[in-house]
Amino acid sequence: MAALEDSSQGRTRDRRSVYERYQKGAGAETTQEPLAFALEVTADGHPTDVEREEEPDRITSPFDPEAIDIETRTTTVDLLLSRLRNDMVDLAPDFQRRAGIWTDEKQSRLIESLLLRIPIPSFYAAEKQDGSWAIVDGIQRLTSIARFVEPGAVGAPPLLLKGLEYLVGFDGQGFTDLSGKLQIRLRETEVVVHVIRRGTPEPVMFNVFARLNTGGEPLTRQEIRHALIPGRARTFLAELAESDAFRRATGYSVVGDRMADREMVLRFLAFRLTAPRDYSRGDFDGFLADAMHRINRLGADGEQRLRDEFEQAMIAARAMFGDHAFRKYRAGQRRKSPINKALFESVAVNLAALSLAECDELMGWDITLGIAESLEDPDFERSISVGTGDPKRVHKRFEVIEEMFQTALTEIREEREA
């Protein structure tokens, strides 16, 4: 395989052995058993393979309560669709992928509720500078309505009703199959939209949306960031999260419907754009939001550098840790723990900071035991488990992982010279 240029060192490195071990490391998975971890859940409430971080909803810097401007509007389905048709509603560029979270049956039952005149939950939106709305909560509902009434507005295939509970005679029908009376009923159905007006500070807006509870499960932080911060960052995070290197490194186990995969990528990028030792603010949500804004301003060269670093880190992690990559590991443990996001960022960022030759040197070393030894330190264990945005805990976990890699490299070289 051709050598690739290590732009940070100005030298060429042969990545062949790293890639060979990467391919060999993608073999049989270990069995996973239920462990005493709080796990994130999918959109339909099923547990995932990612450990949940418990962070309180709080605003960490003073703000003027008068700056919060929330307007409750009662509008109609027809007016919402008009906004959508005229690009005055932002569902995010990849809304169709996320819209797939709802099955056709679930979308059909929403339409059935509207036909039966049963009120549906409110929509929540953030108003942009041009007066358009970024839908933060209600993407699935609005997409379902548009698919049935006006599919062209969302570039999606028309929805044909199926799996109805009461109006079973409508199964298989589309909007144009309904009587004129029912079509008008749908278009004139009133819905409630809570709009946070422009001018509300972004950290406050973020906090307000973080307090929402949608369908029994709060919005994730990354879902909110994705809705409130448009731009190239959205698609760049998606590209890296959907890359083969990331999916292999995480054992194909990170479910992306609540954007856990994109948050993991963002955390890596944030600490490559800002060195961990320079993190001091304590507002981790704000730190990640700022990182998305910085990604939006990157040029092609900056993006490519980060893409190369991310791929290097993922390939190296898979080759070094195998099935236990980014997971808490105890000596002798055979079954996998869930993926830990704080461990992911500290391991991946430190791997990206190494040269390709250094990653190659570490290939034959049992780094997994290094994680087990680190977890014997209560301060390190807390740094990846509780209050992970605290500056002292951020510094602690990055320093421990860096020391682990450097100690291993020193021992490898000493053995080689002996």
Protein backbone atom coordinates (compact mmCIF):
# COMPACT_ATOMS: atom_id res chain seq x y z
CA MET A 1 0.00 0.00 0.00
CA ALA A 2 1.31 3.41 -0.88
CA ALA A 3 2.85 5.51 1.83
CA LEU A 4 0.81 8.51 2.92
CA GLU A 5 2.15 11.90 3.93
CA ASP A 6 1.97 12.72 7.63
CA SER A 7 1.34 16.44 7.17
CA SER A 8 1.82 17.25 10.86
CA GLN A 9 5.38 15.86 10.82
CA GLY A 10 6.35 16.67 7.22
CA ARG A 11 7.46 13.04 6.74
CA THR A 12 5.99 10.01 5.00
CA ARG A 13 4.77 7.06 7.05
CA ASP A 14 4.00 3.54 5.89
CA ARG A 15 0.46 2.73 7.04
CA ARG A 16 0.56 -0.83 5.69
CA SER A 17 0.96 -2.69 8.98
CA VAL A 18 -1.68 -0.54 10.68
CA TYR A 19 -4.22 -1.37 7.98
CA GLU A 20 -3.28 -5.06 8.01
CA ARG A 21 -3.91 -5.32 11.72
CA TYR A 22 -7.08 -3.26 11.28
CA GLN A 23 -8.44 -5.82 8.82
CA LYS A 24 -7.43 -8.76 11.00
CA GLY A 25 -8.94 -7.10 14.07
CA ALA A 26 -12.42 -7.07 12.54
CA GLY A 27 -13.04 -10.69 13.42
CA ALA A 28 -15.32 -12.43 15.88
CA GLU A 29 -17.07 -10.28 18.44
CA THR A 30 -17.17 -11.08 22.12
CA THR A 31 -20.53 -11.74 23.72
CA GLN A 32 -22.17 -8.87 25.53
CA GLU A 33 -24.16 -9.36 28.71
CA PRO A 34 -26.30 -6.87 30.65
CA LEU A 35 -24.05 -4.78 32.91
CA ALA A 36 -24.73 -2.20 35.59
CA PHE A 37 -24.60 0.77 33.23
CA ALA A 38 -27.22 3.38 32.39
CA LEU A 39 -27.57 3.20 28.62
CA GLU A 40 -28.80 5.65 26.02
CA VAL A 41 -31.94 4.58 24.20
CA THR A 42 -33.09 4.60 20.59
CA ALA A 43 -36.04 6.60 19.31
CA ASP A 44 -38.33 3.64 20.03
CA GLY A 45 -37.04 3.24 23.59
CA HIS A 46 -34.68 0.29 23.17
CA PRO A 47 -31.30 0.38 24.98
CA THR A 48 -28.22 1.06 22.89
CA ASP A 49 -24.55 0.12 23.27
CA VAL A 50 -23.58 3.61 24.48
CA GLU A 51 -23.26 4.50 28.14
CA ARG A 52 -25.52 7.39 29.18
CA GLU A 53 -23.90 10.45 30.68
CA GLU A 54 -25.94 12.05 33.40
CA GLU A 55 -25.59 15.80 33.13
CA PRO A 56 -27.93 18.27 34.88
CA ASP A 57 -29.87 20.79 32.84
CA ARG A 58 -28.28 24.03 33.88
CA ILE A 59 -27.21 27.39 32.55
CA THR A 60 -23.62 27.91 33.61
CA SER A 61 -23.28 31.61 32.84
CA PRO A 62 -25.49 34.54 33.87
CA PHE A 63 -28.15 35.70 31.44
CA ASP A 64 -30.96 38.19 31.32
CA PRO A 65 -34.31 36.41 31.75
CA GLU A 66 -35.87 39.20 29.72
CA ALA A 67 -33.86 37.95 26.74
CA ILE A 68 -35.97 34.78 26.61
CA ASP A 69 -38.74 35.39 24.11
CA ILE A 70 -41.01 32.39 23.53
CA GLU A 71 -44.09 32.91 21.39
CA THR A 72 -46.89 30.35 21.20
CA ARG A 73 -48.64 30.35 17.86
CA THR A 74 -51.71 28.49 16.74
CA THR A 75 -51.45 27.82 13.04
CA THR A 76 -52.90 25.36 10.55
CA VAL A 77 -51.43 22.37 8.76
CA ASP A 78 -51.85 24.28 5.48
CA LEU A 79 -49.81 27.25 6.74
CA LEU A 80 -47.09 24.95 8.08
CA LEU A 81 -46.88 23.26 4.69
CA SER A 82 -46.75 26.64 2.99
CA ARG A 83 -43.77 27.57 5.15
CA LEU A 84 -42.14 24.26 4.30
CA ARG A 85 -42.80 24.70 0.59
CA ASN A 86 -41.21 28.17 0.63
CA ASP A 87 -38.09 27.12 2.57
CA MET A 88 -39.22 28.89 5.73
CA VAL A 89 -39.00 25.69 7.78
CA ASP A 90 -35.69 23.88 8.32
CA LEU A 91 -36.03 20.17 8.98
CA ALA A 92 -32.21 19.71 8.70
CA PRO A 93 -30.61 18.42 5.49
CA ASP A 94 -30.83 14.78 6.48
CA PHE A 95 -34.40 14.80 7.79
CA GLN A 96 -35.42 11.96 5.47
CA ARG A 97 -32.89 9.63 7.08
CA ARG A 98 -34.13 10.56 10.51
CA ALA A 99 -37.73 10.48 9.35
CA GLY A 100 -37.23 6.78 8.76
CA ILE A 101 -37.31 6.40 12.54
CA TRP A 102 -41.10 6.36 12.23
CA THR A 103 -42.62 3.44 10.35
CA ASP A 104 -45.37 4.00 7.78
CA GLU A 105 -47.80 2.53 10.33
CA LYS A 106 -46.85 5.10 12.96
CA GLN A 107 -47.05 7.94 10.43
CA SER A 108 -50.45 6.65 9.29
CA ARG A 109 -51.78 6.68 12.84
CA LEU A 110 -50.76 10.31 13.19
CA ILE A 111 -52.84 11.11 10.10
CA GLU A 112 -55.66 9.02 11.56
CA SER A 113 -55.54 11.17 14.72
CA LEU A 114 -55.87 14.32 12.62
CA LEU A 115 -58.82 12.86 10.70
CA LEU A 116 -60.44 11.96 14.02
CA ARG A 117 -59.77 15.51 15.29
CA ILE A 118 -57.58 14.23 18.13
CA PRO A 119 -55.05 16.96 19.13
CA ILE A 120 -51.42 16.09 18.48
CA PRO A 121 -48.40 17.28 20.54
CA SER A 122 -47.03 20.78 20.02
CA PHE A 123 -44.13 21.65 17.75
CA TYR A 124 -41.07 23.49 19.05
CA ALA A 125 -38.99 25.72 16.81
CA ALA A 126 -36.18 28.26 16.92
CA GLU A 127 -36.58 31.38 14.83
CA LYS A 128 -33.63 32.25 12.59
CA GLN A 129 -32.50 35.72 11.52
CA ASP A 130 -34.47 35.51 8.27
CA GLY A 131 -37.67 34.59 10.10
CA SER A 132 -37.58 30.92 9.14
CA TRP A 133 -38.06 28.20 11.75
CA ALA A 134 -35.66 25.42 12.68
CA ILE A 135 -37.85 22.60 13.93
CA VAL A 136 -36.27 21.16 17.05
CA ASP A 137 -39.10 18.92 18.25
CA GLY A 138 -41.69 17.66 15.79
CA ILE A 139 -39.59 16.68 12.77
CA GLN A 140 -41.22 13.24 12.61
CA ARG A 141 -44.74 14.66 12.92
CA LEU A 142 -44.27 17.38 10.33
CA THR A 143 -42.58 15.01 7.89
CA SER A 144 -45.43 12.51 8.27
CA ILE A 145 -48.05 15.17 7.57
CA ALA A 146 -46.13 16.48 4.56
CA ARG A 147 -45.60 12.98 3.15
CA PHE A 148 -49.35 12.45 3.20
CA VAL A 149 -50.68 15.86 2.18
CA GLU A 150 -47.88 17.34 0.08
CA PRO A 151 -44.95 14.92 -0.41
CA GLY A 152 -43.26 17.23 -2.92
CA ALA A 153 -42.59 19.71 -0.10
CA VAL A 154 -40.17 17.24 1.49
CA GLY A 155 -39.05 15.34 -1.59
CA ALA A 156 -40.35 12.09 -0.14
CA PRO A 157 -42.56 9.32 -1.57
CA PRO A 158 -46.28 9.77 -0.85
CA LEU A 159 -47.60 8.11 2.28
CA LEU A 160 -50.36 5.53 1.77
CA LEU A 161 -52.26 4.82 4.96
CA LYS A 162 -51.73 1.44 6.60
CA GLY A 163 -52.19 -0.20 9.97
CA LEU A 164 -55.01 2.11 11.08
CA GLU A 165 -56.87 1.31 14.31
CA TYR A 166 -60.27 2.90 13.68
CA LEU A 167 -60.54 4.16 10.12
CA VAL A 168 -59.66 0.76 8.66
CA GLY A 169 -61.61 1.53 5.53
CA PHE A 170 -58.96 4.10 4.60
CA ASP A 171 -56.12 1.55 4.46
CA GLY A 172 -54.19 1.87 1.22
CA GLN A 173 -55.50 5.36 0.49
CA GLY A 174 -53.50 8.51 -0.17
CA PHE A 175 -54.48 12.14 0.29
CA THR A 176 -56.04 12.45 -3.16
CA ASP A 177 -58.27 9.44 -2.41
CA LEU A 178 -59.98 11.32 0.41
CA SER A 179 -63.16 13.28 -0.10
CA GLY A 180 -62.87 17.03 -0.54
CA LYS A 181 -64.36 17.51 2.91
CA LEU A 182 -61.69 15.40 4.58
CA GLN A 183 -58.91 17.04 2.59
CA ILE A 184 -60.06 20.45 3.82
CA ARG A 185 -60.36 19.09 7.38
CA LEU A 186 -56.72 18.04 7.29
CA ARG A 187 -55.47 21.29 5.79
CA GLU A 188 -57.43 23.40 8.29
CA THR A 189 -56.41 21.36 11.33
CA GLU A 190 -54.94 23.68 13.94
CA VAL A 191 -51.58 22.87 15.56
CA VAL A 192 -49.57 24.66 18.24
CA VAL A 193 -46.02 25.85 17.58
CA HIS A 194 -43.86 27.23 20.38
CA VAL A 195 -41.29 29.51 18.76
CA ILE A 196 -38.21 30.77 20.59
CA ARG A 197 -37.71 34.13 18.93
CA ARG A 198 -34.44 35.30 17.45
CA GLY A 199 -32.44 37.35 19.91
CA THR A 200 -32.65 34.73 22.63
CA PRO A 201 -29.00 33.84 23.45
CA GLU A 202 -27.94 30.51 21.93
CA PRO A 203 -26.87 28.93 25.29
CA VAL A 204 -30.25 29.84 26.80
CA MET A 205 -32.10 28.57 23.73
CA PHE A 206 -30.13 25.33 23.97
CA ASN A 207 -31.02 24.94 27.64
CA VAL A 208 -34.72 25.55 27.00
CA PHE A 209 -34.85 22.85 24.34
CA ALA A 210 -32.83 20.47 26.54
CA ARG A 211 -35.66 20.62 29.06
CA LEU A 212 -38.21 19.37 26.57
CA ASN A 213 -39.54 15.86 26.91
CA THR A 214 -40.59 14.33 23.61
CA GLY A 215 -42.57 11.11 23.69
CA GLY A 216 -41.27 10.28 27.15
CA GLU A 217 -37.57 10.62 26.20
CA PRO A 218 -35.78 14.00 26.39
CA LEU A 219 -34.17 15.41 23.28
CA THR A 220 -30.48 14.56 23.13
CA ARG A 221 -27.94 17.35 23.22
CA GLN A 222 -26.73 16.53 19.74
CA GLU A 223 -30.27 16.56 18.32
CA ILE A 224 -30.61 20.10 19.64
CA ARG A 225 -27.21 21.21 18.35
CA HIS A 226 -28.03 19.70 14.97
CA ALA A 227 -31.27 21.65 14.76
CA LEU A 228 -29.93 24.98 16.02
CA ILE A 229 -26.61 25.13 14.18
CA PRO A 230 -26.99 24.73 10.41
CA GLY A 231 -24.08 24.52 8.02
CA ARG A 232 -21.38 22.18 6.80
CA ALA A 233 -20.80 20.77 10.31
CA ARG A 234 -24.02 18.78 10.02
CA THR A 235 -22.96 16.84 6.95
CA PHE A 236 -19.29 16.59 7.97
CA LEU A 237 -20.23 14.89 11.24
CA ALA A 238 -22.53 12.55 9.35
CA GLU A 239 -19.80 11.60 6.87
CA LEU A 240 -17.35 10.66 9.62
CA ALA A 241 -20.00 8.88 11.70
CA GLU A 242 -21.00 6.77 8.70
CA SER A 243 -17.41 5.96 7.72
CA ASP A 244 -16.28 2.37 7.70
CA ALA A 245 -13.39 3.17 10.05
CA PHE A 246 -15.72 4.54 12.76
CA ARG A 247 -18.23 1.76 12.40
CA ARG A 248 -15.58 -0.94 12.65
CA ALA A 249 -13.84 0.71 15.60
CA THR A 250 -17.12 0.83 17.52
CA GLY A 251 -18.10 -2.72 16.58
CA TYR A 252 -21.02 -1.54 14.42
CA SER A 253 -22.91 -1.02 17.66
CA VAL A 254 -23.57 2.73 17.85
CA VAL A 255 -27.16 3.46 16.84
CA GLY A 256 -27.37 6.81 15.10
CA ASP A 257 -31.07 7.62 15.24
CA ARG A 258 -30.57 9.83 18.32
CA MET A 259 -27.25 11.14 16.96
CA ALA A 260 -24.99 9.49 19.55
CA ASP A 261 -22.58 8.69 16.72
CA ARG A 262 -22.37 12.31 15.62
CA GLU A 263 -21.85 13.55 19.16
CA MET A 264 -18.91 11.16 19.52
CA VAL A 265 -17.40 12.47 16.29
CA LEU A 266 -18.00 16.06 17.40
CA ARG A 267 -16.25 15.47 20.72
CA PHE A 268 -13.21 14.17 18.85
CA LEU A 269 -13.18 17.16 16.48
CA ALA A 270 -13.72 19.65 19.31
CA PHE A 271 -10.60 18.44 21.15
CA ARG A 272 -8.55 18.41 17.97
CA LEU A 273 -9.57 22.03 17.34
CA THR A 274 -8.94 22.98 20.99
CA ALA A 275 -6.19 21.13 22.87
CA PRO A 276 -7.59 19.36 25.96
CA ARG A 277 -5.16 21.26 28.21
CA ASP A 278 -6.72 24.52 26.96
CA TYR A 279 -10.26 23.47 27.90
CA SER A 280 -11.25 25.58 30.90
CA ARG A 281 -14.82 26.77 30.55
CA GLY A 282 -16.75 23.93 32.24
CA ASP A 283 -19.70 24.49 29.88
CA PHE A 284 -19.32 21.35 27.81
CA ASP A 285 -22.49 21.92 25.79
CA GLY A 286 -21.28 25.40 24.85
CA PHE A 287 -17.84 24.02 24.02
CA LEU A 288 -19.34 21.52 21.56
CA ALA A 289 -21.65 24.15 20.07
CA ASP A 290 -18.65 26.42 19.49
CA ALA A 291 -16.85 23.51 17.83
CA MET A 292 -19.72 23.12 15.35
CA HIS A 293 -19.45 26.82 14.47
CA ARG A 294 -15.68 26.41 13.98
CA ILE A 295 -16.23 23.38 11.73
CA ASN A 296 -18.60 25.49 9.64
CA ARG A 297 -15.70 27.90 9.02
CA LEU A 298 -13.13 25.26 8.06
CA GLY A 299 -11.73 25.17 4.55
CA ALA A 300 -11.15 22.04 2.50
CA ASP A 301 -7.61 21.59 3.85
CA GLY A 302 -8.78 21.82 7.45
CA GLU A 303 -11.53 19.29 6.86
CA GLN A 304 -9.14 16.86 5.19
CA ARG A 305 -6.65 17.10 8.04
CA LEU A 306 -9.34 16.27 10.57
CA ARG A 307 -10.72 13.49 8.38
CA ASP A 308 -7.25 11.89 8.12
CA GLU A 309 -6.65 12.19 11.87
CA PHE A 310 -10.03 10.67 12.63
CA GLU A 311 -9.44 7.72 10.32
CA GLN A 312 -5.98 7.13 11.80
CA ALA A 313 -7.41 7.12 15.33
CA MET A 314 -10.26 4.76 14.46
CA ILE A 315 -8.03 2.27 12.62
CA ALA A 316 -5.44 2.30 15.39
CA ALA A 317 -8.04 1.91 18.16
CA ARG A 318 -9.62 -1.09 16.46
CA ALA A 319 -6.24 -2.73 15.94
CA MET A 320 -5.05 -2.07 19.50
CA PHE A 321 -8.18 -2.69 21.57
CA GLY A 322 -10.24 -4.98 19.34
CA ASP A 323 -13.77 -5.52 20.64
CA HIS A 324 -13.06 -3.50 23.80
CA ALA A 325 -12.23 -0.24 22.01
CA PHE A 326 -13.64 2.79 23.87
CA ARG A 327 -15.16 0.59 26.57
CA LYS A 328 -14.38 0.29 30.26
CA TYR A 329 -12.33 -2.85 30.70
CA ARG A 330 -11.35 -4.80 33.81
CA ALA A 331 -8.57 -7.40 33.88
CA GLY A 332 -9.85 -10.77 32.72
CA GLN A 333 -13.12 -9.34 31.40
CA ARG A 334 -14.40 -11.17 28.33
CA ARG A 335 -17.79 -9.57 27.79
CA LYS A 336 -18.02 -6.04 26.47
CA SER A 337 -19.04 -3.00 28.44
CA PRO A 338 -20.99 -0.32 26.56
CA ILE A 339 -19.08 2.35 24.69
CA ASN A 340 -18.13 5.27 26.91
CA LYS A 341 -18.13 8.64 25.13
CA ALA A 342 -15.57 10.29 27.42
CA LEU A 343 -13.23 7.33 26.96
CA PHE A 344 -13.84 7.49 23.20
CA GLU A 345 -12.75 11.11 22.96
CA SER A 346 -9.69 10.77 25.21
CA VAL A 347 -8.40 7.62 23.48
CA ALA A 348 -9.16 8.79 19.93
CA VAL A 349 -7.73 12.29 20.36
CA ASN A 350 -4.53 10.94 21.89
CA LEU A 351 -4.16 8.42 19.07
CA ALA A 352 -4.62 11.19 16.50
CA ALA A 353 -1.81 13.14 18.18
CA LEU A 354 0.64 10.25 17.62
CA SER A 355 2.57 9.79 14.42
CA LEU A 356 1.66 6.88 12.20
CA ALA A 357 4.98 5.23 13.13
CA GLU A 358 4.12 5.48 16.83
CA CYS A 359 0.68 3.96 16.23
CA ASP A 360 2.41 1.14 14.38
CA GLU A 361 4.80 0.56 17.30
CA LEU A 362 1.85 0.15 19.66
CA MET A 363 0.18 -2.53 17.59
CA GLY A 364 1.70 -5.49 19.41
CA TRP A 365 1.23 -4.10 22.91
CA ASP A 366 -1.60 -5.12 25.23
CA ILE A 367 -3.07 -1.63 25.59
CA THR A 368 -6.38 -3.03 26.86
CA LEU A 369 -4.71 -3.86 30.17
CA GLY A 370 -3.64 -0.24 30.37
CA ILE A 371 -7.31 0.78 30.51
CA ALA A 372 -7.91 -1.78 33.26
CA GLU A 373 -5.01 -0.38 35.28
CA SER A 374 -6.21 3.19 34.74
CA LEU A 375 -9.68 2.32 36.02
CA GLU A 376 -8.11 1.31 39.33
CA ASP A 377 -7.60 5.04 39.88
CA PRO A 378 -10.91 6.35 41.31
CA ASP A 379 -10.22 9.86 39.98
CA PHE A 380 -9.79 8.54 36.43
CA GLU A 381 -12.89 6.36 36.70
CA ARG A 382 -14.92 9.38 37.81
CA SER A 383 -13.42 11.49 35.01
CA ILE A 384 -15.10 9.27 32.39
CA SER A 385 -18.29 8.58 34.34
CA VAL A 386 -19.59 11.62 36.23
CA GLY A 387 -19.48 15.32 35.40
CA THR A 388 -17.37 14.64 32.33
CA GLY A 389 -17.46 18.29 31.26
CA ASP A 390 -15.65 19.50 34.38
CA PRO A 391 -12.24 20.92 33.35
CA LYS A 392 -10.32 18.98 36.02
CA ARG A 393 -11.90 15.71 34.87
CA VAL A 394 -11.30 16.51 31.22
CA HIS A 395 -7.62 17.17 31.96
CA LYS A 396 -7.40 14.05 34.12
CA ARG A 397 -8.68 11.58 31.53
CA PHE A 398 -6.63 13.01 28.66
CA GLU A 399 -3.45 13.08 30.74
CA VAL A 400 -3.91 9.48 31.95
CA ILE A 401 -4.48 8.15 28.43
CA GLU A 402 -1.55 10.15 27.06
CA GLU A 403 0.71 8.78 29.80
CA MET A 404 -0.53 5.26 29.09
CA PHE A 405 0.48 5.48 25.43
CA GLN A 406 3.83 7.16 26.16
CA THR A 407 4.71 4.58 28.83
CA ALA A 408 3.93 1.78 26.42
CA LEU A 409 6.07 3.36 23.70
CA THR A 410 8.99 3.74 26.13
CA GLU A 411 8.77 0.11 27.24
CA ILE A 412 8.51 -1.11 23.64
CA ARG A 413 11.64 0.79 22.66
CA GLU A 414 13.56 -0.34 25.74
CA GLU A 415 12.71 -3.98 24.96
CA ARG A 416 13.76 -3.52 21.37
CA GLU A 417 17.13 -2.06 22.39
CA ALA A 418 17.80 -4.70 25.07
